[in-house]
All heavy atoms as atom14 arrays in JSON, in Angstrom:
{
  "sequence": "RNIGGTNHYHVLLEQELADLHGKEAALLFNSGYMSNWASLGTL",
  "atom14_mask": [
    [1, 1, 1, 1, 1, 1, 1, 1, 1, 1, 1, 0, 0, 0],
    [1, 1, 1, 1, 1, 1, 1, 1, 0, 0, 0, 0, 0, 0],
    [1, 1, 1, 1, 1, 1, 1, 1, 0, 0, 0, 0, 0, 0],
    [1, 1, 1, 1, 0, 0, 0, 0, 0, 0, 0, 0, 0, 0],
    [1, 1, 1, 1, 0, 0, 0, 0, 0, 0, 0, 0, 0, 0],
    [1, 1, 1, 1, 1, 1, 1, 0, 0, 0, 0, 0, 0, 0],
    [1, 1, 1, 1, 1, 1, 1, 1, 0, 0, 0, 0, 0, 0],
    [1, 1, 1, 1, 1, 1, 1, 1, 1, 1, 0, 0, 0, 0],
    [1, 1, 1, 1, 1, 1, 1, 1, 1, 1, 1, 1, 0, 0],
    [1, 1, 1, 1, 1, 1, 1, 1, 1, 1, 0, 0, 0, 0],
    [1, 1, 1, 1, 1, 1, 1, 0, 0, 0, 0, 0, 0, 0],
    [1, 1, 1, 1, 1, 1, 1, 1, 0, 0, 0, 0, 0, 0],
    [1, 1, 1, 1, 1, 1, 1, 1, 0, 0, 0, 0, 0, 0],
    [1, 1, 1, 1, 1, 1, 1, 1, 1, 0, 0, 0, 0, 0],
    [1, 1, 1, 1, 1, 1, 1, 1, 1, 0, 0, 0, 0, 0],
    [1, 1, 1, 1, 1, 1, 1, 1, 1, 0, 0, 0, 0, 0],
    [1, 1, 1, 1, 1, 1, 1, 1, 0, 0, 0, 0, 0, 0],
    [1, 1, 1, 1, 1, 0, 0, 0, 0, 0, 0, 0, 0, 0],
    [1, 1, 1, 1, 1, 1, 1, 1, 0, 0, 0, 0, 0, 0],
    [1, 1, 1, 1, 1, 1, 1, 1, 0, 0, 0, 0, 0, 0],
    [1, 1, 1, 1, 1, 1, 1, 1, 1, 1, 0, 0, 0, 0],
    [1, 1, 1, 1, 0, 0, 0, 0, 0, 0, 0, 0, 0, 0],
    [1, 1, 1, 1, 1, 1, 1, 1, 1, 0, 0, 0, 0, 0],
    [1, 1, 1, 1, 1, 1, 1, 1, 1, 0, 0, 0, 0, 0],
    [1, 1, 1, 1, 1, 0, 0, 0, 0, 0, 0, 0, 0, 0],
    [1, 1, 1, 1, 1, 0, 0, 0, 0, 0, 0, 0, 0, 0],
    [1, 1, 1, 1, 1, 1, 1, 1, 0, 0, 0, 0, 0, 0],
    [1, 1, 1, 1, 1, 1, 1, 1, 0, 0, 0, 0, 0, 0],
    [1, 1, 1, 1, 1, 1, 1, 1, 1, 1, 1, 0, 0, 0],
    [1, 1, 1, 1, 1, 1, 1, 1, 0, 0, 0, 0, 0, 0],
    [1, 1, 1, 1, 1, 1, 0, 0, 0, 0, 0, 0, 0, 0],
    [1, 1, 1, 1, 0, 0, 0, 0, 0, 0, 0, 0, 0, 0],
    [1, 1, 1, 1, 1, 1, 1, 1, 1, 1, 1, 1, 0, 0],
    [1, 1, 1, 1, 1, 1, 1, 1, 0, 0, 0, 0, 0, 0],
    [1, 1, 1, 1, 1, 1, 0, 0, 0, 0, 0, 0, 0, 0],
    [1, 1, 1, 1, 1, 1, 1, 1, 0, 0, 0, 0, 0, 0],
    [1, 1, 1, 1, 1, 1, 1, 1, 1, 1, 1, 1, 1, 1],
    [1, 1, 1, 1, 1, 0, 0, 0, 0, 0, 0, 0, 0, 0],
    [1, 1, 1, 1, 1, 1, 0, 0, 0, 0, 0, 0, 0, 0],
    [1, 1, 1, 1, 1, 1, 1, 1, 0, 0, 0, 0, 0, 0],
    [1, 1, 1, 1, 0, 0, 0, 0, 0, 0, 0, 0, 0, 0],
    [1, 1, 1, 1, 1, 1, 1, 0, 0, 0, 0, 0, 0, 0],
    [1, 1, 1, 1, 1, 1, 1, 1, 0, 0, 0, 0, 0, 0]
  ],
  "atom14_positions": [
    [[0.85, -1.18, 0.0], [0.0, -0.01, 0.0], [0.88, 1.27, 0.02], [0.48, 2.3, -0.54], [-0.86, -0.01, 1.23], [-2.03, -0.98, 1.22], [-3.12, -0.65, 0.22], [-3.91, 0.47, 0.66], [-4.96, 0.41, 1.46], [-5.39, -0.73, 1.95], [-5.69, 1.56, 1.75], [0.0, 0.0, 0.0], [0.0, 0.0, 0.0], [0.0, 0.0, 0.0]],
    [[2.02, 1.19, 0.62], [2.93, 2.33, 0.69], [3.68, 2.54, -0.64], [3.85, 3.76, -1.09], [3.97, 2.13, 1.8], [4.86, 3.31, 2.03], [4.39, 4.45, 2.06], [6.18, 3.06, 2.01], [0.0, 0.0, 0.0], [0.0, 0.0, 0.0], [0.0, 0.0, 0.0], [0.0, 0.0, 0.0], [0.0, 0.0, 0.0], [0.0, 0.0, 0.0]],
    [[4.07, 1.51, -1.3], [4.83, 1.62, -2.49], [3.98, 1.38, -3.74], [3.97, 0.34, -4.39], [6.03, 0.61, -2.54], [6.91, 0.81, -1.22], [6.89, 0.82, -3.76], [8.06, -0.13, -1.11], [0.0, 0.0, 0.0], [0.0, 0.0, 0.0], [0.0, 0.0, 0.0], [0.0, 0.0, 0.0], [0.0, 0.0, 0.0], [0.0, 0.0, 0.0]],
    [[3.12, 2.36, -4.05], [2.42, 2.33, -5.32], [1.21, 1.39, -5.28], [0.6, 1.19, -6.26], [0.0, 0.0, 0.0], [0.0, 0.0, 0.0], [0.0, 0.0, 0.0], [0.0, 0.0, 0.0], [0.0, 0.0, 0.0], [0.0, 0.0, 0.0], [0.0, 0.0, 0.0], [0.0, 0.0, 0.0], [0.0, 0.0, 0.0], [0.0, 0.0, 0.0]],
    [[0.87, 0.77, -4.11], [-0.14, -0.32, -4.12], [-1.49, 0.11, -3.65], [-2.38, -0.7, -3.49], [0.0, 0.0, 0.0], [0.0, 0.0, 0.0], [0.0, 0.0, 0.0], [0.0, 0.0, 0.0], [0.0, 0.0, 0.0], [0.0, 0.0, 0.0], [0.0, 0.0, 0.0], [0.0, 0.0, 0.0], [0.0, 0.0, 0.0], [0.0, 0.0, 0.0]],
    [[-1.68, 1.38, -3.34], [-3.06, 1.8, -2.92], [-3.86, 2.19, -4.14], [-3.5, 3.12, -4.83], [-2.99, 2.95, -1.91], [-2.37, 2.54, -0.71], [-4.4, 3.43, -1.62], [0.0, 0.0, 0.0], [0.0, 0.0, 0.0], [0.0, 0.0, 0.0], [0.0, 0.0, 0.0], [0.0, 0.0, 0.0], [0.0, 0.0, 0.0], [0.0, 0.0, 0.0]],
    [[-4.9, 1.38, -4.42], [-5.79, 1.6, -5.53], [-7.09, 2.22, -5.11], [-7.5, 2.09, -3.94], [-6.04, 0.24, -6.19], [-6.79, 0.36, -7.54], [-8.0, 0.47, -7.53], [-6.02, 0.47, -8.65], [0.0, 0.0, 0.0], [0.0, 0.0, 0.0], [0.0, 0.0, 0.0], [0.0, 0.0, 0.0], [0.0, 0.0, 0.0], [0.0, 0.0, 0.0]],
    [[-7.73, 2.93, -5.99], [-8.99, 3.63, -5.56], [-10.03, 2.61, -5.04], [-10.8, 2.84, -4.21], [-9.55, 4.38, -6.78], [-10.75, 5.24, -6.39], [-10.75, 6.14, -5.39], [-12.0, 5.29, -6.93], [-11.94, 6.72, -5.28], [-12.7, 6.21, -6.19], [0.0, 0.0, 0.0], [0.0, 0.0, 0.0], [0.0, 0.0, 0.0], [0.0, 0.0, 0.0]],
    [[-9.96, 1.37, -5.64], [-10.92, 0.37, -5.15], [-10.66, 0.04, -3.7], [-11.59, -0.29, -2.93], [-10.78, -0.92, -6.0], [-11.33, -0.78, -7.37], [-10.55, -0.8, -8.47], [-12.68, -0.7, -7.54], [-11.03, -0.7, -9.77], [-13.22, -0.52, -8.84], [-12.41, -0.56, -9.94], [-12.89, -0.48, -11.19], [0.0, 0.0, 0.0], [0.0, 0.0, 0.0]],
    [[-9.43, 0.07, -3.26], [-9.14, -0.14, -1.81], [-9.74, 0.91, -0.95], [-10.37, 0.58, 0.07], [-7.59, -0.1, -1.5], [-6.81, -1.2, -2.29], [-5.58, -0.93, -2.86], [-7.1, -2.44, -2.57], [-5.18, -2.02, -3.44], [-6.03, -2.99, -3.24], [0.0, 0.0, 0.0], [0.0, 0.0, 0.0], [0.0, 0.0, 0.0], [0.0, 0.0, 0.0]],
    [[-9.71, 2.12, -1.35], [-10.28, 3.21, -0.63], [-11.8, 3.05, -0.54], [-12.41, 3.18, 0.58], [-9.89, 4.59, -1.26], [-10.58, 5.73, -0.52], [-8.4, 4.75, -1.25], [0.0, 0.0, 0.0], [0.0, 0.0, 0.0], [0.0, 0.0, 0.0], [0.0, 0.0, 0.0], [0.0, 0.0, 0.0], [0.0, 0.0, 0.0], [0.0, 0.0, 0.0]],
    [[-12.48, 2.77, -1.66], [-13.9, 2.61, -1.69], [-14.29, 1.42, -0.9], [-15.28, 1.48, -0.11], [-14.36, 2.41, -3.15], [-14.21, 3.56, -4.09], [-14.61, 3.2, -5.52], [-15.02, 4.74, -3.61], [0.0, 0.0, 0.0], [0.0, 0.0, 0.0], [0.0, 0.0, 0.0], [0.0, 0.0, 0.0], [0.0, 0.0, 0.0], [0.0, 0.0, 0.0]],
    [[-13.51, 0.32, -0.92], [-13.89, -0.87, -0.17], [-13.74, -0.64, 1.34], [-14.63, -1.09, 2.15], [-13.02, -2.06, -0.62], [-13.22, -3.44, 0.12], [-14.72, -3.81, 0.07], [-12.4, -4.47, -0.58], [0.0, 0.0, 0.0], [0.0, 0.0, 0.0], [0.0, 0.0, 0.0], [0.0, 0.0, 0.0], [0.0, 0.0, 0.0], [0.0, 0.0, 0.0]],
    [[-12.69, 0.04, 1.84], [-12.57, 0.38, 3.19], [-13.73, 1.27, 3.68], [-14.19, 1.08, 4.84], [-11.21, 1.0, 3.44], [-10.06, 0.01, 3.38], [-8.68, 0.58, 3.55], [-8.52, 1.8, 3.26], [-7.69, -0.17, 3.77], [0.0, 0.0, 0.0], [0.0, 0.0, 0.0], [0.0, 0.0, 0.0], [0.0, 0.0, 0.0], [0.0, 0.0, 0.0]],
    [[-14.11, 2.22, 2.88], [-15.28, 3.01, 3.28], [-16.54, 2.2, 3.42], [-17.29, 2.29, 4.3], [-15.5, 4.13, 2.22], [-14.32, 5.17, 2.21], [-14.53, 6.12, 1.05], [-15.27, 5.96, 0.16], [-13.67, 7.24, 1.08], [0.0, 0.0, 0.0], [0.0, 0.0, 0.0], [0.0, 0.0, 0.0], [0.0, 0.0, 0.0], [0.0, 0.0, 0.0]],
    [[-16.74, 1.25, 2.48], [-17.94, 0.4, 2.53], [-17.9, -0.53, 3.71], [-18.95, -0.75, 4.38], [-17.96, -0.39, 1.21], [-19.36, -0.9, 0.89], [-20.25, 0.15, 0.3], [-19.77, 1.06, -0.34], [-21.46, 0.13, 0.61], [0.0, 0.0, 0.0], [0.0, 0.0, 0.0], [0.0, 0.0, 0.0], [0.0, 0.0, 0.0], [0.0, 0.0, 0.0]],
    [[-16.76, -1.05, 4.08], [-16.7, -1.92, 5.23], [-16.85, -1.2, 6.6], [-17.5, -1.73, 7.47], [-15.29, -2.63, 5.21], [-15.15, -3.63, 4.1], [-13.71, -4.08, 3.94], [-16.1, -4.88, 4.27], [0.0, 0.0, 0.0], [0.0, 0.0, 0.0], [0.0, 0.0, 0.0], [0.0, 0.0, 0.0], [0.0, 0.0, 0.0], [0.0, 0.0, 0.0]],
    [[-16.3, -0.04, 6.6], [-16.52, 0.83, 7.85], [-18.01, 1.08, 8.05], [-18.57, 1.0, 9.14], [-15.76, 2.16, 7.71], [0.0, 0.0, 0.0], [0.0, 0.0, 0.0], [0.0, 0.0, 0.0], [0.0, 0.0, 0.0], [0.0, 0.0, 0.0], [0.0, 0.0, 0.0], [0.0, 0.0, 0.0], [0.0, 0.0, 0.0], [0.0, 0.0, 0.0]],
    [[-18.71, 1.41, 6.92], [-20.12, 1.64, 7.0], [-20.9, 0.4, 7.36], [-21.82, 0.43, 8.13], [-20.66, 2.18, 5.64], [-22.12, 2.31, 5.57], [-22.65, 3.3, 6.14], [-22.8, 1.4, 4.95], [0.0, 0.0, 0.0], [0.0, 0.0, 0.0], [0.0, 0.0, 0.0], [0.0, 0.0, 0.0], [0.0, 0.0, 0.0], [0.0, 0.0, 0.0]],
    [[-20.45, -0.75, 6.85], [-21.13, -2.04, 7.14], [-21.2, -2.3, 8.64], [-22.21, -2.81, 9.15], [-20.4, -3.19, 6.45], [-20.92, -4.62, 6.76], [-22.3, -4.79, 6.19], [-19.96, -5.57, 6.15], [0.0, 0.0, 0.0], [0.0, 0.0, 0.0], [0.0, 0.0, 0.0], [0.0, 0.0, 0.0], [0.0, 0.0, 0.0], [0.0, 0.0, 0.0]],
    [[-20.14, -1.91, 9.36], [-20.1, -2.2, 10.8], [-20.27, -0.99, 11.67], [-20.13, -1.11, 12.9], [-18.7, -2.85, 11.11], [-18.49, -4.2, 10.49], [-19.2, -5.3, 10.79], [-17.66, -4.5, 9.41], [-18.74, -6.37, 10.07], [-17.86, -5.89, 9.19], [0.0, 0.0, 0.0], [0.0, 0.0, 0.0], [0.0, 0.0, 0.0], [0.0, 0.0, 0.0]],
    [[-20.64, 0.19, 11.02], [-20.89, 1.35, 11.86], [-19.65, 1.88, 12.56], [-19.77, 2.46, 13.64], [0.0, 0.0, 0.0], [0.0, 0.0, 0.0], [0.0, 0.0, 0.0], [0.0, 0.0, 0.0], [0.0, 0.0, 0.0], [0.0, 0.0, 0.0], [0.0, 0.0, 0.0], [0.0, 0.0, 0.0], [0.0, 0.0, 0.0], [0.0, 0.0, 0.0]],
    [[-18.5, 1.73, 11.91], [-17.24, 2.22, 12.48], [-16.7, 3.39, 11.68], [-17.11, 3.63, 10.52], [-16.22, 1.07, 12.51], [-16.67, -0.15, 13.3], [-16.84, 0.2, 14.76], [-17.1, -1.04, 15.64], [-17.42, -0.7, 17.05], [0.0, 0.0, 0.0], [0.0, 0.0, 0.0], [0.0, 0.0, 0.0], [0.0, 0.0, 0.0], [0.0, 0.0, 0.0]],
    [[-15.77, 4.04, 12.27], [-15.17, 5.23, 11.58], [-14.29, 4.84, 10.42], [-14.18, 5.56, 9.46], [-14.3, 6.05, 12.64], [-15.12, 6.7, 13.73], [-14.24, 7.43, 14.69], [-13.02, 7.21, 14.68], [-14.78, 8.25, 15.51], [0.0, 0.0, 0.0], [0.0, 0.0, 0.0], [0.0, 0.0, 0.0], [0.0, 0.0, 0.0], [0.0, 0.0, 0.0]],
    [[-13.6, 3.69, 10.54], [-12.63, 3.36, 9.55], [-12.5, 1.83, 9.37], [-13.0, 1.1, 10.18], [-11.21, 3.91, 9.94], [0.0, 0.0, 0.0], [0.0, 0.0, 0.0], [0.0, 0.0, 0.0], [0.0, 0.0, 0.0], [0.0, 0.0, 0.0], [0.0, 0.0, 0.0], [0.0, 0.0, 0.0], [0.0, 0.0, 0.0], [0.0, 0.0, 0.0]],
    [[-11.82, 1.44, 8.34], [-11.47, 0.03, 8.08], [-10.11, -0.08, 7.49], [-9.59, 0.91, 6.94], [-12.53, -0.66, 7.11], [0.0, 0.0, 0.0], [0.0, 0.0, 0.0], [0.0, 0.0, 0.0], [0.0, 0.0, 0.0], [0.0, 0.0, 0.0], [0.0, 0.0, 0.0], [0.0, 0.0, 0.0], [0.0, 0.0, 0.0], [0.0, 0.0, 0.0]],
    [[-9.53, -1.24, 7.56], [-8.21, -1.43, 7.06], [-8.17, -2.78, 6.37], [-8.48, -3.82, 6.97], [-7.1, -1.33, 8.1], [-5.68, -1.39, 7.61], [-5.33, -0.14, 6.88], [-4.73, -1.53, 8.89], [0.0, 0.0, 0.0], [0.0, 0.0, 0.0], [0.0, 0.0, 0.0], [0.0, 0.0, 0.0], [0.0, 0.0, 0.0], [0.0, 0.0, 0.0]],
    [[-7.71, -2.81, 5.07], [-7.69, -4.09, 4.3], [-6.41, -4.87, 4.48], [-5.28, -4.25, 4.61], [-7.83, -3.8, 2.81], [-9.21, -3.35, 2.27], [-9.09, -2.94, 0.88], [-10.22, -4.45, 2.49], [0.0, 0.0, 0.0], [0.0, 0.0, 0.0], [0.0, 0.0, 0.0], [0.0, 0.0, 0.0], [0.0, 0.0, 0.0], [0.0, 0.0, 0.0]],
    [[-6.5, -6.18, 4.45], [-5.34, -7.06, 4.44], [-5.61, -8.01, 3.3], [-6.65, -8.19, 2.76], [-5.21, -7.81, 5.77], [-4.86, -6.92, 6.95], [-5.89, -6.19, 7.55], [-3.58, -6.79, 7.38], [-5.59, -5.36, 8.61], [-3.28, -5.94, 8.45], [-4.27, -5.25, 9.1], [0.0, 0.0, 0.0], [0.0, 0.0, 0.0], [0.0, 0.0, 0.0]],
    [[-4.51, -8.85, 2.99], [-4.68, -9.76, 1.79], [-5.32, -11.05, 2.26], [-5.48, -12.03, 1.42], [-3.39, -9.97, 1.06], [-2.18, -10.28, 1.92], [-2.36, -10.75, 3.02], [-1.0, -9.88, 1.43], [0.0, 0.0, 0.0], [0.0, 0.0, 0.0], [0.0, 0.0, 0.0], [0.0, 0.0, 0.0], [0.0, 0.0, 0.0], [0.0, 0.0, 0.0]],
    [[-5.55, -11.3, 3.5], [-6.29, -12.47, 4.0], [-6.85, -12.22, 5.36], [-6.36, -11.29, 6.09], [-5.44, -13.75, 4.04], [-4.49, -13.65, 5.07], [0.0, 0.0, 0.0], [0.0, 0.0, 0.0], [0.0, 0.0, 0.0], [0.0, 0.0, 0.0], [0.0, 0.0, 0.0], [0.0, 0.0, 0.0], [0.0, 0.0, 0.0], [0.0, 0.0, 0.0]],
    [[-7.82, -13.0, 5.8], [-8.31, -12.93, 7.16], [-7.34, -13.4, 8.16], [-7.22, -12.89, 9.26], [0.0, 0.0, 0.0], [0.0, 0.0, 0.0], [0.0, 0.0, 0.0], [0.0, 0.0, 0.0], [0.0, 0.0, 0.0], [0.0, 0.0, 0.0], [0.0, 0.0, 0.0], [0.0, 0.0, 0.0], [0.0, 0.0, 0.0], [0.0, 0.0, 0.0]],
    [[-6.47, -14.34, 7.79], [-5.42, -14.79, 8.64], [-4.42, -13.65, 8.97], [-4.07, -13.43, 10.09], [-4.63, -15.93, 7.92], [-3.63, -16.66, 8.86], [-3.89, -17.89, 9.4], [-2.42, -16.05, 9.21], [-3.02, -18.6, 10.26], [-1.47, -16.72, 10.06], [-1.87, -17.94, 10.52], [-0.96, -18.57, 11.4], [0.0, 0.0, 0.0], [0.0, 0.0, 0.0]],
    [[-4.1, -12.89, 7.88], [-3.21, -11.76, 8.06], [-3.82, -10.65, 8.89], [-3.13, -10.02, 9.75], [-2.72, -11.23, 6.74], [-1.69, -10.12, 6.83], [-0.18, -10.61, 7.71], [0.62, -11.65, 6.44], [0.0, 0.0, 0.0], [0.0, 0.0, 0.0], [0.0, 0.0, 0.0], [0.0, 0.0, 0.0], [0.0, 0.0, 0.0], [0.0, 0.0, 0.0]],
    [[-5.12, -10.4, 8.66], [-5.71, -9.32, 9.49], [-5.71, -9.66, 10.96], [-5.53, -8.78, 11.81], [-7.12, -9.06, 8.94], [-7.95, -10.15, 8.89], [0.0, 0.0, 0.0], [0.0, 0.0, 0.0], [0.0, 0.0, 0.0], [0.0, 0.0, 0.0], [0.0, 0.0, 0.0], [0.0, 0.0, 0.0], [0.0, 0.0, 0.0], [0.0, 0.0, 0.0]],
    [[-6.0, -10.9, 11.28], [-5.99, -11.28, 12.71], [-4.52, -11.26, 13.28], [-4.25, -10.73, 14.33], [-6.52, -12.74, 12.89], [-7.97, -12.7, 13.11], [-8.58, -11.72, 13.63], [-8.67, -13.8, 12.8], [0.0, 0.0, 0.0], [0.0, 0.0, 0.0], [0.0, 0.0, 0.0], [0.0, 0.0, 0.0], [0.0, 0.0, 0.0], [0.0, 0.0, 0.0]],
    [[-3.63, -11.94, 12.5], [-2.27, -12.03, 12.99], [-1.58, -10.67, 13.18], [-0.96, -10.39, 14.21], [-1.45, -12.86, 11.98], [-0.03, -13.1, 12.34], [0.51, -14.08, 13.16], [1.1, -12.3, 11.9], [1.88, -13.96, 13.2], [2.28, -12.88, 12.48], [1.21, -11.19, 11.07], [3.53, -12.35, 12.22], [2.51, -10.71, 10.86], [3.65, -11.3, 11.45]],
    [[-1.71, -9.86, 12.19], [-1.08, -8.54, 12.23], [-1.69, -7.57, 13.25], [-1.04, -6.9, 14.01], [-1.1, -7.9, 10.87], [0.0, 0.0, 0.0], [0.0, 0.0, 0.0], [0.0, 0.0, 0.0], [0.0, 0.0, 0.0], [0.0, 0.0, 0.0], [0.0, 0.0, 0.0], [0.0, 0.0, 0.0], [0.0, 0.0, 0.0], [0.0, 0.0, 0.0]],
    [[-3.03, -7.59, 13.31], [-3.72, -6.64, 14.24], [-3.62, -6.99, 15.67], [-3.24, -6.19, 16.51], [-5.23, -6.59, 13.87], [-5.35, -6.11, 12.45], [0.0, 0.0, 0.0], [0.0, 0.0, 0.0], [0.0, 0.0, 0.0], [0.0, 0.0, 0.0], [0.0, 0.0, 0.0], [0.0, 0.0, 0.0], [0.0, 0.0, 0.0], [0.0, 0.0, 0.0]],
    [[-3.89, -8.24, 15.96], [-3.71, -8.72, 17.36], [-2.23, -8.65, 17.82], [-1.96, -8.23, 18.9], [-4.23, -10.16, 17.54], [-5.72, -10.33, 17.57], [-6.1, -11.77, 17.46], [-6.32, -9.74, 18.86], [0.0, 0.0, 0.0], [0.0, 0.0, 0.0], [0.0, 0.0, 0.0], [0.0, 0.0, 0.0], [0.0, 0.0, 0.0], [0.0, 0.0, 0.0]],
    [[-1.38, -9.08, 16.93], [0.07, -8.95, 17.26], [0.53, -7.54, 17.55], [1.31, -7.32, 18.48], [0.0, 0.0, 0.0], [0.0, 0.0, 0.0], [0.0, 0.0, 0.0], [0.0, 0.0, 0.0], [0.0, 0.0, 0.0], [0.0, 0.0, 0.0], [0.0, 0.0, 0.0], [0.0, 0.0, 0.0], [0.0, 0.0, 0.0], [0.0, 0.0, 0.0]],
    [[0.06, -6.62, 16.73], [0.49, -5.25, 16.92], [-0.14, -4.6, 18.16], [0.57, -3.97, 19.03], [0.12, -4.41, 15.62], [0.7, -4.94, 14.56], [0.47, -2.96, 15.83], [0.0, 0.0, 0.0], [0.0, 0.0, 0.0], [0.0, 0.0, 0.0], [0.0, 0.0, 0.0], [0.0, 0.0, 0.0], [0.0, 0.0, 0.0], [0.0, 0.0, 0.0]],
    [[-1.43, -4.77, 18.36], [-2.11, -4.19, 19.49], [-1.6, -4.7, 20.88], [-1.26, -3.98, 21.73], [-3.58, -4.4, 19.45], [-4.36, -3.65, 18.27], [-5.78, -4.2, 18.16], [-4.31, -2.15, 18.47], [0.0, 0.0, 0.0], [0.0, 0.0, 0.0], [0.0, 0.0, 0.0], [0.0, 0.0, 0.0], [0.0, 0.0, 0.0], [0.0, 0.0, 0.0]]
  ]
}
């Protein structure tokens, strides 16, 4: 996402997902495994 990999579809999808769950923001990962591993590990 940092090196040329943020596409407009990513932005639209994150907005749609935030709305789906009634949250301020969303963040995409390339798998559900990675979203759990990276998010829980970081927090």
